[in-house]
Amino acid sequence: MDAPLADRFRSAIASGAYWTAEELLVTYRGEIERRWSAAASDTERSDIKNEVDALLSWARTMTLARRSHTQAKLVRLNSQRAYAGTPSQPTGLRIVSG
């Protein structure tokens, strides 16, 4: 993977732009397949494999960390809402008879 593409992929993951990251992975896969076919030795293929493993492992770790932070934030928000008291304006549906 050329450096600018790797940087764009990492930036997309780091910023939570997962649709962009997914699109970049299509390009990445094509590049890897070309490099794999052109590899002249097992050592080159091993290097390609290690590069792919490292990048995808990093992306997985970052995605899981972001997800964990989002979950923790949701729990905090729900806890705060439970102790916030009665809202000044009712929310939801009101049933009026009559």
N, C-alpha and C. Protein backbone atom coordinates (compact mmCIF):
# COMPACT_ATOMS: atom_id res chain seq x y z
N MET A 1 0.86 -1.17 0.00
CA MET A 1 0.00 0.00 0.00
C MET A 1 0.90 1.23 0.00
N ASP A 2 0.64 2.17 -0.90
CA ASP A 2 1.47 3.36 -0.89
C ASP A 2 1.12 4.21 0.34
N ALA A 3 2.08 5.00 0.75
CA ALA A 3 1.93 5.74 2.00
C ALA A 3 0.69 6.64 2.03
N PRO A 4 0.40 7.40 0.98
CA PRO A 4 -0.78 8.26 1.05
C PRO A 4 -2.08 7.46 1.25
N LEU A 5 -2.21 6.31 0.62
CA LEU A 5 -3.42 5.50 0.79
C LEU A 5 -3.48 4.95 2.21
N ALA A 6 -2.38 4.49 2.74
CA ALA A 6 -2.35 3.99 4.12
C ALA A 6 -2.70 5.11 5.09
N ASP A 7 -2.17 6.29 4.84
CA ASP A 7 -2.47 7.43 5.71
C ASP A 7 -3.94 7.81 5.64
N ARG A 8 -4.51 7.79 4.45
CA ARG A 8 -5.93 8.12 4.29
C ARG A 8 -6.81 7.08 4.99
N PHE A 9 -6.42 5.81 4.88
CA PHE A 9 -7.17 4.75 5.54
C PHE A 9 -7.11 4.93 7.06
N ARG A 10 -5.93 5.16 7.58
CA ARG A 10 -5.77 5.37 9.03
C ARG A 10 -6.55 6.60 9.50
N SER A 11 -6.50 7.65 8.71
CA SER A 11 -7.25 8.87 9.07
C SER A 11 -8.75 8.62 9.08
N ALA A 12 -9.22 7.85 8.11
CA ALA A 12 -10.65 7.54 8.05
C ALA A 12 -11.07 6.75 9.28
N ILE A 13 -10.29 5.75 9.64
CA ILE A 13 -10.61 4.95 10.83
C ILE A 13 -10.54 5.82 12.08
N ALA A 14 -9.49 6.60 12.21
CA ALA A 14 -9.30 7.42 13.41
C ALA A 14 -10.41 8.45 13.58
N SER A 15 -10.97 8.93 12.47
CA SER A 15 -12.02 9.94 12.57
C SER A 15 -13.42 9.34 12.60
N GLY A 16 -13.50 8.01 12.48
CA GLY A 16 -14.81 7.36 12.50
C GLY A 16 -15.52 7.36 11.16
N ALA A 17 -14.81 7.67 10.10
CA ALA A 17 -15.39 7.68 8.75
C ALA A 17 -15.29 6.27 8.15
N TYR A 18 -16.11 5.38 8.69
CA TYR A 18 -15.99 3.97 8.33
C TYR A 18 -16.41 3.68 6.90
N TRP A 19 -17.35 4.46 6.35
CA TRP A 19 -17.72 4.25 4.94
C TRP A 19 -16.54 4.58 4.04
N THR A 20 -15.84 5.65 4.35
CA THR A 20 -14.65 6.02 3.57
C THR A 20 -13.58 4.95 3.72
N ALA A 21 -13.38 4.47 4.93
CA ALA A 21 -12.39 3.42 5.16
C ALA A 21 -12.73 2.17 4.36
N GLU A 22 -14.01 1.84 4.31
CA GLU A 22 -14.43 0.66 3.54
C GLU A 22 -14.14 0.83 2.06
N GLU A 23 -14.38 2.02 1.54
CA GLU A 23 -14.06 2.29 0.13
C GLU A 23 -12.56 2.20 -0.12
N LEU A 24 -11.77 2.72 0.82
CA LEU A 24 -10.32 2.65 0.68
C LEU A 24 -9.82 1.20 0.73
N LEU A 25 -10.51 0.35 1.47
CA LEU A 25 -10.12 -1.06 1.54
C LEU A 25 -10.28 -1.75 0.19
N VAL A 26 -11.24 -1.32 -0.60
CA VAL A 26 -11.40 -1.89 -1.95
C VAL A 26 -10.15 -1.59 -2.77
N THR A 27 -9.69 -0.36 -2.70
CA THR A 27 -8.46 0.02 -3.41
C THR A 27 -7.26 -0.73 -2.85
N TYR A 28 -7.22 -0.83 -1.54
CA TYR A 28 -6.13 -1.53 -0.85
C TYR A 28 -6.07 -2.99 -1.29
N ARG A 29 -7.21 -3.64 -1.35
CA ARG A 29 -7.25 -5.04 -1.75
C ARG A 29 -6.70 -5.22 -3.16
N GLY A 30 -7.10 -4.36 -4.07
CA GLY A 30 -6.57 -4.43 -5.44
C GLY A 30 -5.06 -4.27 -5.49
N GLU A 31 -4.56 -3.31 -4.72
CA GLU A 31 -3.11 -3.08 -4.65
C GLU A 31 -2.40 -4.30 -4.08
N ILE A 32 -2.93 -4.88 -3.04
CA ILE A 32 -2.31 -6.06 -2.42
C ILE A 32 -2.32 -7.23 -3.38
N GLU A 33 -3.43 -7.44 -4.07
CA GLU A 33 -3.49 -8.54 -5.03
C GLU A 33 -2.46 -8.37 -6.14
N ARG A 34 -2.27 -7.14 -6.62
CA ARG A 34 -1.25 -6.89 -7.66
C ARG A 34 0.15 -7.14 -7.10
N ARG A 35 0.40 -6.63 -5.90
CA ARG A 35 1.72 -6.83 -5.30
C ARG A 35 1.99 -8.30 -5.01
N TRP A 36 0.96 -9.02 -4.57
CA TRP A 36 1.11 -10.45 -4.27
C TRP A 36 1.47 -11.22 -5.53
N SER A 37 0.78 -10.93 -6.63
CA SER A 37 1.04 -11.61 -7.90
C SER A 37 2.44 -11.28 -8.44
N ALA A 38 2.89 -10.07 -8.19
CA ALA A 38 4.20 -9.64 -8.69
C ALA A 38 5.35 -10.04 -7.76
N ALA A 39 5.04 -10.52 -6.58
CA ALA A 39 6.09 -10.88 -5.61
C ALA A 39 6.96 -11.99 -6.19
N ALA A 40 8.26 -11.78 -6.08
CA ALA A 40 9.22 -12.72 -6.66
C ALA A 40 9.69 -13.78 -5.66
N SER A 41 9.36 -13.60 -4.39
CA SER A 41 9.85 -14.56 -3.40
C SER A 41 8.87 -14.70 -2.25
N ASP A 42 9.10 -15.74 -1.47
CA ASP A 42 8.29 -15.94 -0.27
C ASP A 42 8.52 -14.83 0.74
N THR A 43 9.73 -14.29 0.74
CA THR A 43 10.04 -13.20 1.66
C THR A 43 9.19 -11.97 1.35
N GLU A 44 9.06 -11.64 0.07
CA GLU A 44 8.21 -10.50 -0.31
C GLU A 44 6.76 -10.74 0.08
N ARG A 45 6.29 -11.95 -0.14
CA ARG A 45 4.90 -12.27 0.23
C ARG A 45 4.71 -12.23 1.74
N SER A 46 5.71 -12.65 2.47
CA SER A 46 5.65 -12.57 3.92
C SER A 46 5.58 -11.12 4.38
N ASP A 47 6.36 -10.25 3.73
CA ASP A 47 6.33 -8.82 4.06
C ASP A 47 4.95 -8.22 3.78
N ILE A 48 4.36 -8.61 2.66
CA ILE A 48 3.02 -8.12 2.31
C ILE A 48 2.02 -8.60 3.36
N LYS A 49 2.10 -9.86 3.72
CA LYS A 49 1.20 -10.42 4.73
C LYS A 49 1.33 -9.68 6.06
N ASN A 50 2.57 -9.42 6.47
CA ASN A 50 2.80 -8.71 7.73
C ASN A 50 2.23 -7.29 7.68
N GLU A 51 2.38 -6.63 6.54
CA GLU A 51 1.84 -5.28 6.37
C GLU A 51 0.32 -5.29 6.50
N VAL A 52 -0.32 -6.24 5.82
CA VAL A 52 -1.77 -6.36 5.88
C VAL A 52 -2.22 -6.66 7.30
N ASP A 53 -1.58 -7.63 7.93
CA ASP A 53 -1.93 -7.99 9.31
C ASP A 53 -1.81 -6.79 10.25
N ALA A 54 -0.73 -6.05 10.13
CA ALA A 54 -0.51 -4.91 11.02
C ALA A 54 -1.57 -3.83 10.80
N LEU A 55 -1.86 -3.52 9.56
CA LEU A 55 -2.84 -2.47 9.26
C LEU A 55 -4.24 -2.87 9.74
N LEU A 56 -4.65 -4.09 9.43
CA LEU A 56 -6.00 -4.51 9.82
C LEU A 56 -6.12 -4.71 11.33
N SER A 57 -5.05 -5.15 11.96
CA SER A 57 -5.06 -5.28 13.42
C SER A 57 -5.20 -3.91 14.08
N TRP A 58 -4.46 -2.93 13.56
CA TRP A 58 -4.56 -1.56 14.07
C TRP A 58 -5.99 -1.04 13.88
N ALA A 59 -6.56 -1.24 12.70
CA ALA A 59 -7.91 -0.75 12.40
C ALA A 59 -8.93 -1.41 13.34
N ARG A 60 -8.78 -2.68 13.58
CA ARG A 60 -9.70 -3.39 14.49
C ARG A 60 -9.60 -2.83 15.90
N THR A 61 -8.39 -2.64 16.38
CA THR A 61 -8.18 -2.11 17.72
C THR A 61 -8.79 -0.72 17.86
N MET A 62 -8.56 0.14 16.88
CA MET A 62 -9.10 1.49 16.91
C MET A 62 -10.62 1.48 16.88
N THR A 63 -11.19 0.63 16.04
CA THR A 63 -12.64 0.55 15.93
C THR A 63 -13.27 0.06 17.23
N LEU A 64 -12.67 -0.95 17.83
CA LEU A 64 -13.19 -1.46 19.10
C LEU A 64 -13.06 -0.42 20.22
N ALA A 65 -11.96 0.31 20.22
CA ALA A 65 -11.77 1.35 21.25
C ALA A 65 -12.82 2.45 21.09
N ARG A 66 -13.06 2.87 19.87
CA ARG A 66 -14.06 3.91 19.61
C ARG A 66 -15.44 3.43 20.03
N ARG A 67 -15.72 2.19 19.70
CA ARG A 67 -17.02 1.61 20.07
C ARG A 67 -17.18 1.56 21.59
N SER A 68 -16.13 1.18 22.27
CA SER A 68 -16.15 1.12 23.73
C SER A 68 -16.39 2.50 24.34
N HIS A 69 -15.72 3.52 23.81
CA HIS A 69 -15.90 4.88 24.31
C HIS A 69 -17.33 5.37 24.07
N THR A 70 -17.87 5.02 22.92
CA THR A 70 -19.24 5.41 22.60
C THR A 70 -20.22 4.73 23.54
N GLN A 71 -19.99 3.46 23.83
CA GLN A 71 -20.85 2.73 24.76
C GLN A 71 -20.79 3.35 26.16
N ALA A 72 -19.60 3.69 26.61
CA ALA A 72 -19.44 4.30 27.93
C ALA A 72 -20.16 5.65 27.99
N LYS A 73 -20.08 6.42 26.92
CA LYS A 73 -20.75 7.71 26.87
C LYS A 73 -22.27 7.52 26.93
N LEU A 74 -22.78 6.53 26.23
CA LEU A 74 -24.21 6.24 26.26
C LEU A 74 -24.67 5.85 27.67
N VAL A 75 -23.89 5.05 28.34
CA VAL A 75 -24.22 4.65 29.71
C VAL A 75 -24.25 5.88 30.62
N ARG A 76 -23.25 6.76 30.49
CA ARG A 76 -23.22 7.98 31.31
C ARG A 76 -24.43 8.85 31.03
N LEU A 77 -24.78 9.02 29.76
CA LEU A 77 -25.93 9.85 29.41
C LEU A 77 -27.22 9.27 29.98
N ASN A 78 -27.37 7.96 29.89
CA ASN A 78 -28.56 7.32 30.45
C ASN A 78 -28.61 7.48 31.96
N SER A 79 -27.47 7.37 32.62
CA SER A 79 -27.41 7.54 34.08
C SER A 79 -27.76 8.97 34.45
N GLN A 80 -27.25 9.93 33.74
CA GLN A 80 -27.54 11.33 34.02
C GLN A 80 -29.02 11.63 33.84
N ARG A 81 -29.62 11.05 32.82
CA ARG A 81 -31.03 11.26 32.57
C ARG A 81 -31.88 10.69 33.71
N ALA A 82 -31.46 9.59 34.27
CA ALA A 82 -32.21 8.97 35.36
C ALA A 82 -32.26 9.87 36.59
N TYR A 83 -31.24 10.69 36.79
CA TYR A 83 -31.17 11.57 37.97
C TYR A 83 -31.51 13.03 37.65
N ALA A 84 -31.92 13.29 36.45
CA ALA A 84 -32.16 14.68 36.04
C ALA A 84 -33.48 15.23 36.55
N GLY A 85 -34.36 14.40 37.05
CA GLY A 85 -35.65 14.88 37.54
C GLY A 85 -36.69 14.90 36.43
N THR A 86 -37.84 15.44 36.75
CA THR A 86 -38.94 15.49 35.80
C THR A 86 -38.71 16.63 34.82
N PRO A 87 -38.86 16.35 33.54
CA PRO A 87 -38.69 17.44 32.57
C PRO A 87 -39.81 18.47 32.73
N SER A 88 -39.51 19.72 32.40
CA SER A 88 -40.50 20.79 32.55
C SER A 88 -41.63 20.64 31.54
N GLN A 89 -41.37 20.08 30.42
CA GLN A 89 -42.38 19.83 29.39
C GLN A 89 -42.49 18.32 29.22
N PRO A 90 -43.69 17.78 29.25
CA PRO A 90 -43.82 16.34 29.04
C PRO A 90 -43.38 15.95 27.64
N THR A 91 -42.78 14.81 27.55
CA THR A 91 -42.35 14.29 26.25
C THR A 91 -43.19 13.07 25.91
N GLY A 92 -43.29 12.77 24.69
CA GLY A 92 -44.05 11.59 24.27
C GLY A 92 -45.51 11.92 24.00
N LEU A 93 -46.33 10.90 23.99
CA LEU A 93 -47.74 11.05 23.69
C LEU A 93 -48.56 11.33 24.95
N ARG A 94 -49.58 12.15 24.80
CA ARG A 94 -50.54 12.40 25.88
C ARG A 94 -51.90 11.91 25.41
N ILE A 95 -52.58 11.22 26.28
CA ILE A 95 -53.90 10.75 25.94
C ILE A 95 -54.90 11.72 26.55
N VAL A 96 -55.76 12.24 25.72
CA VAL A 96 -56.78 13.20 26.15
C VAL A 96 -58.13 12.53 25.93
N SER A 97 -58.91 12.41 26.99
CA SER A 97 -60.22 11.78 26.82
C SER A 97 -61.26 12.86 26.54
N GLY A 98 -62.22 12.40 25.82
CA GLY A 98 -63.24 13.30 25.71
C GLY A 98 -63.96 13.75 24.61
